[in-house]
Amino acid sequence: MMQLASVFAIDVAAFAVMSNHYHLVVRVNQVKAESWSMDEVLLQWTQLFAAPKLVQDYLADPKALSAGSLKRVQEQAEIYRERLMDVSWYMRVLNESIARYANQEDEVKGRFWEGRFKSQALLDEQAVLAAMAYVDLNPVRANIAHELLDSDFTSVQRRLQGVYHFEAAPEKLPGLVTKTSDKESAFAQPFLERLEKIPTAPLLAFDASGLEDPAIPCSATGYMAYVDFLGRAVHPDKSGHMNENLPPLMQRLGLDDKHMEAFVQSSWLNKFGGAVGQVMSLNKHRSERDQRFVKGQSAAKMLFGA
């Protein structure tokens, strides 16, 4: 996830890797992708993928190409630029990478995941922070972890690890398995070797001032208090709502007990359609797409208020 985020113009805000699925909250950094020069785009892409000979020739000696060849390279770079800021391409490469690792390890062929990923657009600050908390609390909700520090393979644990400097479960995959003579393995090996060399991107930062972009629009301590508060409410071994001590972030966003009651229902995201947000945000989303109806109006009122 984080290695591919350093190739793509994709910022990862939250993640949770479970036993048979994973969750991601990401932001497409279109400004970053559009700011890349043609050379930067080509270098980003070729960190991971083999380029056509024409692109290779350009990277080896840009001045050696004719005007016509240079134009074709520019056109190819624009195709790569679009892909590098496309969530579908990011997810496609991520899932293919996992499949290639698993196929080599188990000496099999084929897909790893049963179907295509599902995605929802997060329309406002409330939706982003609720989705992040939902993702970060997955191990707690599943009764795998009792607190945030124990939530292995999550973004919240990685953030806390940076603060408290404790040892967490290893997130880096072990070294590549031995290459076999199988055609698929022979194709996968160079790709995986390139992937191993790519640096890990940092998680999307917090910024309460609202001046940094891209950034999560709150403080790290405010978010941690919010997630910890929700975690103590939703954990199956806990009971009661500590509603007399709402975290400052919930107060700023206008969230109250109804938000917590909705959040305890682990399926609340399924009550929305392709977009999640406050009622006003959903209506704006519907209007911009000239839709007659958008799913989630009742869920938005329950989760975020009118």
C-alpha atoms as a PDB file:
ATOM      1  CA  MET A   1       0.000   0.000   0.000  1.00  0.00           C
ATOM      2  CA  MET A   2       2.554   2.538   1.145  1.00  0.00           C
ATOM      3  CA  GLN A   3       5.181   1.672  -1.463  1.00  0.00           C
ATOM      4  CA  LEU A   4       2.690   2.122  -4.289  1.00  0.00           C
ATOM      5  CA  ALA A   5       1.550   5.382  -2.687  1.00  0.00           C
ATOM      6  CA  SER A   6       5.059   6.721  -3.298  1.00  0.00           C
ATOM      7  CA  VAL A   7       4.680   5.921  -7.011  1.00  0.00           C
ATOM      8  CA  PHE A   8       1.104   7.088  -7.516  1.00  0.00           C
ATOM      9  CA  ALA A   9      -0.305  10.516  -6.678  1.00  0.00           C
ATOM     10  CA  ILE A  10      -2.315   8.802  -3.958  1.00  0.00           C
ATOM     11  CA  ASP A  11      -2.170   9.786  -0.270  1.00  0.00           C
ATOM     12  CA  VAL A  12      -3.121   7.100   2.259  1.00  0.00           C
ATOM     13  CA  ALA A  13      -5.015   8.497   5.251  1.00  0.00           C
ATOM     14  CA  ALA A  14      -5.994   5.221   6.923  1.00  0.00           C
ATOM     15  CA  PHE A  15      -5.685   1.481   6.405  1.00  0.00           C
ATOM     16  CA  ALA A  16      -6.484  -1.782   8.158  1.00  0.00           C
ATOM     17  CA  VAL A  17      -5.372  -5.208   6.975  1.00  0.00           C
ATOM     18  CA  MET A  18      -7.638  -7.975   8.266  1.00  0.00           C
ATOM     19  CA  SER A  19      -7.424 -11.758   7.823  1.00  0.00           C
ATOM     20  CA  ASN A  20      -9.350 -11.899   4.540  1.00  0.00           C
ATOM     21  CA  HIS A  21      -9.834  -8.284   3.422  1.00  0.00           C
ATOM     22  CA  TYR A  22      -8.469  -4.807   3.874  1.00  0.00           C
ATOM     23  CA  HIS A  23      -9.762  -1.242   4.100  1.00  0.00           C
ATOM     24  CA  LEU A  24      -8.234   1.952   2.748  1.00  0.00           C
ATOM     25  CA  VAL A  25      -9.018   5.656   2.980  1.00  0.00           C
ATOM     26  CA  VAL A  26      -7.119   7.492   0.263  1.00  0.00           C
ATOM     27  CA  ARG A  27      -6.967  10.939  -1.313  1.00  0.00           C
ATOM     28  CA  VAL A  28      -6.175  11.542  -4.968  1.00  0.00           C
ATOM     29  CA  ASN A  29      -3.509  14.237  -5.104  1.00  0.00           C
ATOM     30  CA  GLN A  30      -4.393  15.677  -8.514  1.00  0.00           C
ATOM     31  CA  VAL A  31      -2.407  18.867  -7.928  1.00  0.00           C
ATOM     32  CA  LYS A  32       0.732  16.842  -7.319  1.00  0.00           C
ATOM     33  CA  ALA A  33       0.247  14.715 -10.450  1.00  0.00           C
ATOM     34  CA  GLU A  34      -0.408  17.743 -12.648  1.00  0.00           C
ATOM     35  CA  SER A  35       2.684  19.505 -11.287  1.00  0.00           C
ATOM     36  CA  TRP A  36       5.007  16.711 -12.416  1.00  0.00           C
ATOM     37  CA  SER A  37       7.072  17.436 -15.498  1.00  0.00           C
ATOM     38  CA  MET A  38       7.057  14.918 -18.333  1.00  0.00           C
ATOM     39  CA  ASP A  39      10.372  13.507 -17.118  1.00  0.00           C
ATOM     40  CA  GLU A  40       9.052  13.163 -13.568  1.00  0.00           C
ATOM     41  CA  VAL A  41       5.989  11.299 -14.803  1.00  0.00           C
ATOM     42  CA  LEU A  42       8.137   8.891 -16.796  1.00  0.00           C
ATOM     43  CA  LEU A  43      10.466   8.320 -13.844  1.00  0.00           C
ATOM     44  CA  GLN A  44       7.540   7.693 -11.494  1.00  0.00           C
ATOM     45  CA  TRP A  45       6.011   5.167 -13.882  1.00  0.00           C
ATOM     46  CA  THR A  46       9.223   3.325 -14.706  1.00  0.00           C
ATOM     47  CA  GLN A  47      10.021   2.755 -11.042  1.00  0.00           C
ATOM     48  CA  LEU A  48       7.531  -0.080 -11.294  1.00  0.00           C
ATOM     49  CA  PHE A  49       6.656  -0.761 -14.923  1.00  0.00           C
ATOM     50  CA  ALA A  50       8.718  -1.559 -17.980  1.00  0.00           C
ATOM     51  CA  ALA A  51       8.398   1.259 -20.534  1.00  0.00           C
ATOM     52  CA  PRO A  52       8.169   0.966 -24.355  1.00  0.00           C
ATOM     53  CA  LYS A  53      11.477   1.189 -26.188  1.00  0.00           C
ATOM     54  CA  LEU A  54      10.735   4.724 -27.348  1.00  0.00           C
ATOM     55  CA  VAL A  55      10.361   5.882 -23.729  1.00  0.00           C
ATOM     56  CA  GLN A  56      13.521   4.005 -22.772  1.00  0.00           C
ATOM     57  CA  ASP A  57      15.391   5.720 -25.597  1.00  0.00           C
ATOM     58  CA  TYR A  58      14.140   9.117 -24.438  1.00  0.00           C
ATOM     59  CA  LEU A  59      15.211   8.497 -20.828  1.00  0.00           C
ATOM     60  CA  ALA A  60      18.631   7.347 -22.043  1.00  0.00           C
ATOM     61  CA  ASP A  61      19.182  10.373 -24.323  1.00  0.00           C
ATOM     62  CA  PRO A  62      16.338  12.915 -24.737  1.00  0.00           C
ATOM     63  CA  LYS A  63      18.184  14.804 -27.480  1.00  0.00           C
ATOM     64  CA  ALA A  64      18.506  11.742 -29.708  1.00  0.00           C
ATOM     65  CA  LEU A  65      14.789  11.600 -30.572  1.00  0.00           C
ATOM     66  CA  SER A  66      13.163  13.250 -33.562  1.00  0.00           C
ATOM     67  CA  ALA A  67      10.329  15.754 -33.113  1.00  0.00           C
ATOM     68  CA  GLY A  68       7.785  13.096 -34.060  1.00  0.00           C
ATOM     69  CA  SER A  69       9.192  10.569 -31.605  1.00  0.00           C
ATOM     70  CA  LEU A  70       9.300  13.194 -28.857  1.00  0.00           C
ATOM     71  CA  LYS A  71       5.624  13.950 -29.446  1.00  0.00           C
ATOM     72  CA  ARG A  72       4.757  10.262 -29.042  1.00  0.00           C
ATOM     73  CA  VAL A  73       6.712  10.168 -25.779  1.00  0.00           C
ATOM     74  CA  GLN A  74       4.787  13.217 -24.547  1.00  0.00           C
ATOM     75  CA  GLU A  75       1.506  11.513 -25.416  1.00  0.00           C
ATOM     76  CA  GLN A  76       2.588   8.388 -23.555  1.00  0.00           C
ATOM     77  CA  ALA A  77       3.579  10.456 -20.532  1.00  0.00           C
ATOM     78  CA  GLU A  78       0.093  11.996 -20.390  1.00  0.00           C
ATOM     79  CA  ILE A  79      -1.401   8.500 -20.371  1.00  0.00           C
ATOM     80  CA  TYR A  80       0.864   7.607 -17.449  1.00  0.00           C
ATOM     81  CA  ARG A  81      -0.036  10.848 -15.642  1.00  0.00           C
ATOM     82  CA  GLU A  82      -3.741   9.993 -15.799  1.00  0.00           C
ATOM     83  CA  ARG A  83      -3.068   6.497 -14.501  1.00  0.00           C
ATOM     84  CA  LEU A  84      -0.902   7.761 -11.651  1.00  0.00           C
ATOM     85  CA  MET A  85      -3.791   9.795 -10.231  1.00  0.00           C
ATOM     86  CA  ASP A  86      -6.448   7.116 -10.801  1.00  0.00           C
ATOM     87  CA  VAL A  87      -7.721   5.168  -7.771  1.00  0.00           C
ATOM     88  CA  SER A  88      -8.740   2.269 -10.019  1.00  0.00           C
ATOM     89  CA  TRP A  89      -5.193   1.950 -11.356  1.00  0.00           C
ATOM     90  CA  TYR A  90      -3.730   2.158  -7.842  1.00  0.00           C
ATOM     91  CA  MET A  91      -6.085  -0.577  -6.619  1.00  0.00           C
ATOM     92  CA  ARG A  92      -5.480  -2.687  -9.693  1.00  0.00           C
ATOM     93  CA  VAL A  93      -1.710  -2.634  -9.176  1.00  0.00           C
ATOM     94  CA  LEU A  94      -2.064  -3.186  -5.429  1.00  0.00           C
ATOM     95  CA  ASN A  95      -4.284  -6.229  -5.863  1.00  0.00           C
ATOM     96  CA  GLU A  96      -2.150  -7.625  -8.674  1.00  0.00           C
ATOM     97  CA  SER A  97       0.946  -7.204  -6.499  1.00  0.00           C
ATOM     98  CA  ILE A  98      -0.685  -9.167  -3.681  1.00  0.00           C
ATOM     99  CA  ALA A  99      -1.757 -11.869  -6.147  1.00  0.00           C
ATOM    100  CA  ARG A 100       1.764 -12.160  -7.552  1.00  0.00           C
ATOM    101  CA  TYR A 101       3.294 -12.504  -4.087  1.00  0.00           C
ATOM    102  CA  ALA A 102       0.695 -15.110  -3.091  1.00  0.00           C
ATOM    103  CA  ASN A 103       0.973 -17.057  -6.351  1.00  0.00           C
ATOM    104  CA  GLN A 104       4.736 -17.322  -6.029  1.00  0.00           C
ATOM    105  CA  GLU A 105       4.486 -18.325  -2.390  1.00  0.00           C
ATOM    106  CA  ASP A 106       1.843 -21.009  -3.000  1.00  0.00           C
ATOM    107  CA  GLU A 107       3.065 -21.972  -6.492  1.00  0.00           C
ATOM    108  CA  VAL A 108      -0.341 -21.394  -8.052  1.00  0.00           C
ATOM    109  CA  LYS A 109      -1.870 -19.150 -10.705  1.00  0.00           C
ATOM    110  CA  GLY A 110      -4.866 -16.863 -10.922  1.00  0.00           C
ATOM    111  CA  ARG A 111      -6.616 -14.109  -9.019  1.00  0.00           C
ATOM    112  CA  PHE A 112      -6.192 -13.603  -5.283  1.00  0.00           C
ATOM    113  CA  TRP A 113      -9.355 -11.593  -4.606  1.00  0.00           C
ATOM    114  CA  GLU A 114     -12.810 -12.837  -5.490  1.00  0.00           C
ATOM    115  CA  GLY A 115     -14.063  -9.613  -7.046  1.00  0.00           C
ATOM    116  CA  ARG A 116     -13.354  -5.975  -7.790  1.00  0.00           C
ATOM    117  CA  PHE A 117     -12.864  -3.524  -4.954  1.00  0.00           C
ATOM    118  CA  LYS A 118     -15.743  -1.362  -3.734  1.00  0.00           C
ATOM    119  CA  SER A 119     -15.317   2.368  -3.226  1.00  0.00           C
ATOM    120  CA  GLN A 120     -17.252   5.313  -1.824  1.00  0.00           C
ATOM    121  CA  ALA A 121     -16.527   9.020  -2.273  1.00  0.00           C
ATOM    122  CA  LEU A 122     -16.082  10.892   1.020  1.00  0.00           C
ATOM    123  CA  LEU A 123     -17.673  14.287   0.462  1.00  0.00           C
ATOM    124  CA  ASP A 124     -16.825  16.289   3.581  1.00  0.00           C
ATOM    125  CA  GLU A 125     -14.730  16.415   6.735  1.00  0.00           C
ATOM    126  CA  GLN A 126     -17.273  14.481   8.791  1.00  0.00           C
ATOM    127  CA  ALA A 127     -17.324  11.644   6.260  1.00  0.00           C
ATOM    128  CA  VAL A 128     -13.525  11.484   6.023  1.00  0.00           C
ATOM    129  CA  LEU A 129     -12.988  11.311   9.781  1.00  0.00           C
ATOM    130  CA  ALA A 130     -15.843   8.841  10.317  1.00  0.00           C
ATOM    131  CA  ALA A 131     -14.477   6.564   7.588  1.00  0.00           C
ATOM    132  CA  MET A 132     -10.939   6.804   8.973  1.00  0.00           C
ATOM    133  CA  ALA A 133     -12.163   5.884  12.455  1.00  0.00           C
ATOM    134  CA  TYR A 134     -14.224   3.024  11.008  1.00  0.00           C
ATOM    135  CA  VAL A 135     -11.114   1.660   9.276  1.00  0.00           C
ATOM    136  CA  ASP A 136      -8.746   2.166  12.212  1.00  0.00           C
ATOM    137  CA  LEU A 137     -11.177   0.459  14.615  1.00  0.00           C
ATOM    138  CA  ASN A 138     -11.699  -2.670  12.493  1.00  0.00           C
ATOM    139  CA  PRO A 139      -9.550  -4.954  14.721  1.00  0.00           C
ATOM    140  CA  VAL A 140     -11.286  -3.608  17.841  1.00  0.00           C
ATOM    141  CA  ARG A 141     -14.745  -4.113  16.343  1.00  0.00           C
ATOM    142  CA  ALA A 142     -13.752  -7.651  15.304  1.00  0.00           C
ATOM    143  CA  ASN A 143     -12.547  -8.364  18.873  1.00  0.00           C
ATOM    144  CA  ILE A 144      -9.032  -9.051  17.575  1.00  0.00           C
ATOM    145  CA  ALA A 145      -7.535  -6.145  19.520  1.00  0.00           C
ATOM    146  CA  HIS A 146      -8.581  -4.609  22.828  1.00  0.00           C
ATOM    147  CA  GLU A 147      -7.020  -1.207  22.267  1.00  0.00           C
ATOM    148  CA  LEU A 148      -5.475   0.905  19.540  1.00  0.00           C
ATOM    149  CA  LEU A 149      -1.911  -0.037  20.460  1.00  0.00           C
ATOM    150  CA  ASP A 150      -2.777  -3.706  19.874  1.00  0.00           C
ATOM    151  CA  SER A 151      -4.396  -3.079  16.480  1.00  0.00           C
ATOM    152  CA  ASP A 152      -1.768  -4.664  14.254  1.00  0.00           C
ATOM    153  CA  PHE A 153      -1.543  -3.735  10.574  1.00  0.00           C
ATOM    154  CA  THR A 154      -3.505  -0.491  10.972  1.00  0.00           C
ATOM    155  CA  SER A 155      -2.641   3.117  10.270  1.00  0.00           C
ATOM    156  CA  VAL A 156      -3.588   4.172  13.791  1.00  0.00           C
ATOM    157  CA  GLN A 157      -1.048   1.763  15.273  1.00  0.00           C
ATOM    158  CA  ARG A 158       1.605   3.041  12.862  1.00  0.00           C
ATOM    159  CA  ARG A 159       0.859   6.623  13.930  1.00  0.00           C
ATOM    160  CA  LEU A 160       0.984   5.676  17.636  1.00  0.00           C
ATOM    161  CA  GLN A 161       4.182   3.740  17.082  1.00  0.00           C
ATOM    162  CA  GLY A 162       5.801   6.952  15.900  1.00  0.00           C
ATOM    163  CA  VAL A 163       4.743   8.662  19.131  1.00  0.00           C
ATOM    164  CA  TYR A 164       5.415   5.923  21.705  1.00  0.00           C
ATOM    165  CA  HIS A 165       8.215   4.037  19.884  1.00  0.00           C
ATOM    166  CA  PHE A 166       6.886   0.563  20.678  1.00  0.00           C
ATOM    167  CA  GLU A 167       7.419  -2.662  18.724  1.00  0.00           C
ATOM    168  CA  ALA A 168       4.540  -3.608  16.440  1.00  0.00           C
ATOM    169  CA  ALA A 169       3.905  -6.601  14.219  1.00  0.00           C
ATOM    170  CA  PRO A 170       6.199  -6.539  11.159  1.00  0.00           C
ATOM    171  CA  GLU A 171       4.445  -4.939   8.189  1.00  0.00           C
ATOM    172  CA  LYS A 172       7.157  -5.591   5.617  1.00  0.00           C
ATOM    173  CA  LEU A 173       6.726  -8.753   3.585  1.00  0.00           C
ATOM    174  CA  PRO A 174       9.588 -11.264   3.819  1.00  0.00           C
ATOM    175  CA  GLY A 175      12.031 -11.571   0.939  1.00  0.00           C
ATOM    176  CA  LEU A 176      10.891 -12.832  -2.414  1.00  0.00           C
ATOM    177  CA  VAL A 177      10.528 -16.562  -2.825  1.00  0.00           C
ATOM    178  CA  THR A 178      12.746 -18.479  -5.204  1.00  0.00           C
ATOM    179  CA  LYS A 179      11.967 -17.869  -8.835  1.00  0.00           C
ATOM    180  CA  THR A 180      10.432 -20.847 -10.625  1.00  0.00           C
ATOM    181  CA  SER A 181      10.354 -21.757 -14.298  1.00  0.00           C
ATOM    182  CA  ASP A 182       6.642 -21.055 -14.584  1.00  0.00           C
ATOM    183  CA  LYS A 183       5.828 -18.414 -17.186  1.00  0.00           C
ATOM    184  CA  GLU A 184       3.669 -16.356 -14.822  1.00  0.00           C
ATOM    185  CA  SER A 185       6.345 -16.420 -12.133  1.00  0.00           C
ATOM    186  CA  ALA A 186       8.973 -15.398 -14.648  1.00  0.00           C
ATOM    187  CA  PHE A 187       6.834 -12.398 -15.569  1.00  0.00           C
ATOM    188  CA  ALA A 188       6.013 -11.523 -11.963  1.00  0.00           C
ATOM    189  CA  GLN A 189       9.551 -11.717 -10.590  1.00  0.00           C
ATOM    190  CA  PRO A 190      10.977  -8.535 -12.211  1.00  0.00           C
ATOM    191  CA  PHE A 191       7.865  -6.596 -11.187  1.00  0.00           C
ATOM    192  CA  LEU A 192       8.139  -7.747  -7.572  1.00  0.00           C
ATOM    193  CA  GLU A 193      11.862  -7.033  -7.513  1.00  0.00           C
ATOM    194  CA  ARG A 194      11.183  -3.454  -8.637  1.00  0.00           C
ATOM    195  CA  LEU A 195       8.425  -3.140  -6.051  1.00  0.00           C
ATOM    196  CA  GLU A 196      10.793  -4.261  -3.275  1.00  0.00           C
ATOM    197  CA  LYS A 197      13.115  -1.344  -4.069  1.00  0.00           C
ATOM    198  CA  ILE A 198      10.444   1.368  -3.920  1.00  0.00           C
ATOM    199  CA  PRO A 199      10.521   3.473  -0.718  1.00  0.00           C
ATOM    200  CA  THR A 200       7.549   3.592   1.624  1.00  0.00           C
ATOM    201  CA  ALA A 201       5.404   6.731   1.525  1.00  0.00           C
ATOM    202  CA  PRO A 202       4.363   8.424   4.779  1.00  0.00           C
ATOM    203  CA  LEU A 203       0.751   8.475   5.869  1.00  0.00           C
ATOM    204  CA  LEU A 204      -1.246  11.596   5.072  1.00  0.00           C
ATOM    205  CA  ALA A 205      -0.437  14.147   7.765  1.00  0.00           C
ATOM    206  CA  PHE A 206      -2.793  15.942  10.136  1.00  0.00           C
ATOM    207  CA  ASP A 207      -3.133  19.720  10.089  1.00  0.00           C
ATOM    208  CA  ALA A 208      -5.592  21.489  12.383  1.00  0.00           C
ATOM    209  CA  SER A 209      -4.823  24.909  10.875  1.00  0.00           C
ATOM    210  CA  GLY A 210      -6.311  23.995   7.514  1.00  0.00           C
ATOM    211  CA  LEU A 211      -3.383  25.679   5.768  1.00  0.00           C
ATOM    212  CA  GLU A 212      -1.605  22.547   4.597  1.00  0.00           C
ATOM    213  CA  ASP A 213      -2.864  20.723   1.521  1.00  0.00           C
ATOM    214  CA  PRO A 214      -3.076  17.810   1.310  1.00  0.00           C
ATOM    215  CA  ALA A 215      -3.692  17.073   4.984  1.00  0.00           C
ATOM    216  CA  ILE A 216      -6.333  15.660   7.294  1.00  0.00           C
ATOM    217  CA  PRO A 217      -8.194  18.717   8.678  1.00  0.00           C
ATOM    218  CA  CYS A 218      -7.673  18.160  12.402  1.00  0.00           C
ATOM    219  CA  SER A 219      -4.876  17.630  14.893  1.00  0.00           C
ATOM    220  CA  ALA A 220      -3.340  14.207  15.438  1.00  0.00           C
ATOM    221  CA  THR A 221      -4.136  14.320  19.163  1.00  0.00           C
ATOM    222  CA  GLY A 222      -7.738  15.332  18.415  1.00  0.00           C
ATOM    223  CA  TYR A 223      -8.180  12.421  16.021  1.00  0.00           C
ATOM    224  CA  MET A 224      -6.612   9.927  18.435  1.00  0.00           C
ATOM    225  CA  ALA A 225      -8.942  11.046  21.220  1.00  0.00           C
ATOM    226  CA  TYR A 226     -11.914  10.697  18.866  1.00  0.00           C
ATOM    227  CA  VAL A 227     -10.948   7.182  17.749  1.00  0.00           C
ATOM    228  CA  ASP A 228     -10.117   6.067  21.293  1.00  0.00           C
ATOM    229  CA  PHE A 229     -13.476   7.368  22.507  1.00  0.00           C
ATOM    230  CA  LEU A 230     -15.370   5.525  19.766  1.00  0.00           C
ATOM    231  CA  GLY A 231     -13.259   2.420  20.303  1.00  0.00           C
ATOM    232  CA  ARG A 232     -14.190   2.202  23.964  1.00  0.00           C
ATOM    233  CA  ALA A 233     -17.841   2.565  22.997  1.00  0.00           C
ATOM    234  CA  VAL A 234     -17.952  -0.035  20.216  1.00  0.00           C
ATOM    235  CA  HIS A 235     -15.760  -2.750  21.712  1.00  0.00           C
ATOM    236  CA  PRO A 236     -17.883  -5.842  22.524  1.00  0.00           C
ATOM    237  CA  ASP A 237     -16.337  -6.131  25.999  1.00  0.00           C
ATOM    238  CA  LYS A 238     -17.225  -2.546  26.875  1.00  0.00           C
ATOM    239  CA  SER A 239     -20.573  -1.006  27.673  1.00  0.00           C
ATOM    240  CA  GLY A 240     -21.979   2.459  28.096  1.00  0.00           C
ATOM    241  CA  HIS A 241     -21.500   5.731  26.280  1.00  0.00           C
ATOM    242  CA  MET A 242     -19.256   8.250  27.982  1.00  0.00           C
ATOM    243  CA  ASN A 243     -21.385  11.054  26.563  1.00  0.00           C
ATOM    244  CA  GLU A 244     -20.537  13.514  29.304  1.00  0.00           C
ATOM    245  CA  ASN A 245     -16.983  13.750  27.985  1.00  0.00           C
ATOM    246  CA  LEU A 246     -17.289  14.115  24.236  1.00  0.00           C
ATOM    247  CA  PRO A 247     -13.863  14.673  22.611  1.00  0.00           C
ATOM    248  CA  PRO A 248     -13.222  18.219  21.352  1.00  0.00           C
ATOM    249  CA  LEU A 249     -13.202  17.010  17.731  1.00  0.00           C
ATOM    250  CA  MET A 250     -16.728  15.646  18.055  1.00  0.00           C
ATOM    251  CA  GLN A 251     -17.847  18.911  19.604  1.00  0.00           C
ATOM    252  CA  ARG A 252     -16.278  20.936  16.782  1.00  0.00           C
ATOM    253  CA  LEU A 253     -17.960  18.794  14.132  1.00  0.00           C
ATOM    254  CA  GLY A 254     -21.307  18.958  15.912  1.00  0.00           C
ATOM    255  CA  LEU A 255     -21.394  15.197  16.590  1.00  0.00           C
ATOM    256  CA  ASP A 256     -23.257  13.807  19.589  1.00  0.00           C
ATOM    257  CA  ASP A 257     -24.670  10.541  20.969  1.00  0.00           C
ATOM    258  CA  LYS A 258     -26.515   9.834  17.710  1.00  0.00           C
ATOM    259  CA  HIS A 259     -23.170   9.695  15.935  1.00  0.00           C
ATOM    260  CA  MET A 260     -21.916   7.140  18.459  1.00  0.00           C
ATOM    261  CA  GLU A 261     -25.097   5.069  18.268  1.00  0.00           C
ATOM    262  CA  ALA A 262     -24.820   5.000  14.484  1.00  0.00           C
ATOM    263  CA  PHE A 263     -21.121   4.191  14.632  1.00  0.00           C
ATOM    264  CA  VAL A 264     -21.708   1.191  16.894  1.00  0.00           C
ATOM    265  CA  GLN A 265     -23.655  -0.306  13.976  1.00  0.00           C
ATOM    266  CA  SER A 266     -20.729  -1.755  12.051  1.00  0.00           C
ATOM    267  CA  SER A 267     -22.691  -1.770   8.793  1.00  0.00           C
ATOM    268  CA  TRP A 268     -23.393   1.981   8.686  1.00  0.00           C
ATOM    269  CA  LEU A 269     -21.255   2.500   5.559  1.00  0.00           C
ATOM    270  CA  ASN A 270     -23.504   0.066   3.677  1.00  0.00           C
ATOM    271  CA  LYS A 271     -26.415   2.426   4.236  1.00  0.00           C
ATOM    272  CA  PHE A 272     -24.770   4.880   1.858  1.00  0.00           C
ATOM    273  CA  GLY A 273     -24.333   4.427  -1.857  1.00  0.00           C
ATOM    274  CA  GLY A 274     -21.375   5.635  -3.874  1.00  0.00           C
ATOM    275  CA  ALA A 275     -20.878   8.708  -1.688  1.00  0.00           C
ATOM    276  CA  VAL A 276     -20.744   9.371   2.067  1.00  0.00           C
ATOM    277  CA  GLY A 277     -21.342  12.723   3.730  1.00  0.00           C
ATOM    278  CA  GLN A 278     -23.754  15.081   5.425  1.00  0.00           C
ATOM    279  CA  VAL A 279     -27.191  15.595   3.913  1.00  0.00           C
ATOM    280  CA  MET A 280     -26.092  18.898   2.355  1.00  0.00           C
ATOM    281  CA  SER A 281     -23.044  17.238   0.787  1.00  0.00           C
ATOM    282  CA  LEU A 282     -25.107  14.358  -0.572  1.00  0.00           C
ATOM    283  CA  ASN A 283     -27.621  16.755  -2.145  1.00  0.00           C
ATOM    284  CA  LYS A 284     -24.827  18.750  -3.759  1.00  0.00           C
ATOM    285  CA  HIS A 285     -23.287  15.513  -5.051  1.00  0.00           C
ATOM    286  CA  ARG A 286     -26.660  14.478  -6.488  1.00  0.00           C
ATOM    287  CA  SER A 287     -27.197  17.853  -8.147  1.00  0.00           C
ATOM    288  CA  GLU A 288     -23.729  17.919  -9.723  1.00  0.00           C
ATOM    289  CA  ARG A 289     -24.378  14.540 -11.313  1.00  0.00           C
ATOM    290  CA  ASP A 290     -27.958  15.343 -12.295  1.00  0.00           C
ATOM    291  CA  GLN A 291     -29.271  12.372 -10.314  1.00  0.00           C
ATOM    292  CA  ARG A 292     -32.833  12.085  -9.092  1.00  0.00           C
ATOM    293  CA  PHE A 293     -31.889  10.236  -5.919  1.00  0.00           C
ATOM    294  CA  VAL A 294     -28.803   9.557  -3.823  1.00  0.00           C
ATOM    295  CA  LYS A 295     -28.702   6.734  -1.289  1.00  0.00           C
ATOM    296  CA  GLY A 296     -27.835   7.566   2.309  1.00  0.00           C
ATOM    297  CA  GLN A 297     -30.046  10.506   3.304  1.00  0.00           C
ATOM    298  CA  SER A 298     -31.400   8.718   6.382  1.00  0.00           C
ATOM    299  CA  ALA A 299     -27.982   7.362   7.297  1.00  0.00           C
ATOM    300  CA  ALA A 300     -26.478  10.858   6.991  1.00  0.00           C
ATOM    301  CA  LYS A 301     -29.070  12.273   9.396  1.00  0.00           C
ATOM    302  CA  MET A 302     -28.453   9.409  11.824  1.00  0.00           C
ATOM    303  CA  LEU A 303     -24.675   9.663  11.668  1.00  0.00           C
ATOM    304  CA  PHE A 304     -24.020  13.374  11.180  1.00  0.00           C
ATOM    305  CA  GLY A 305     -27.303  15.058  12.114  1.00  0.00           C
ATOM    306  CA  ALA A 306     -29.625  17.096   9.898  1.00  0.00           C
END
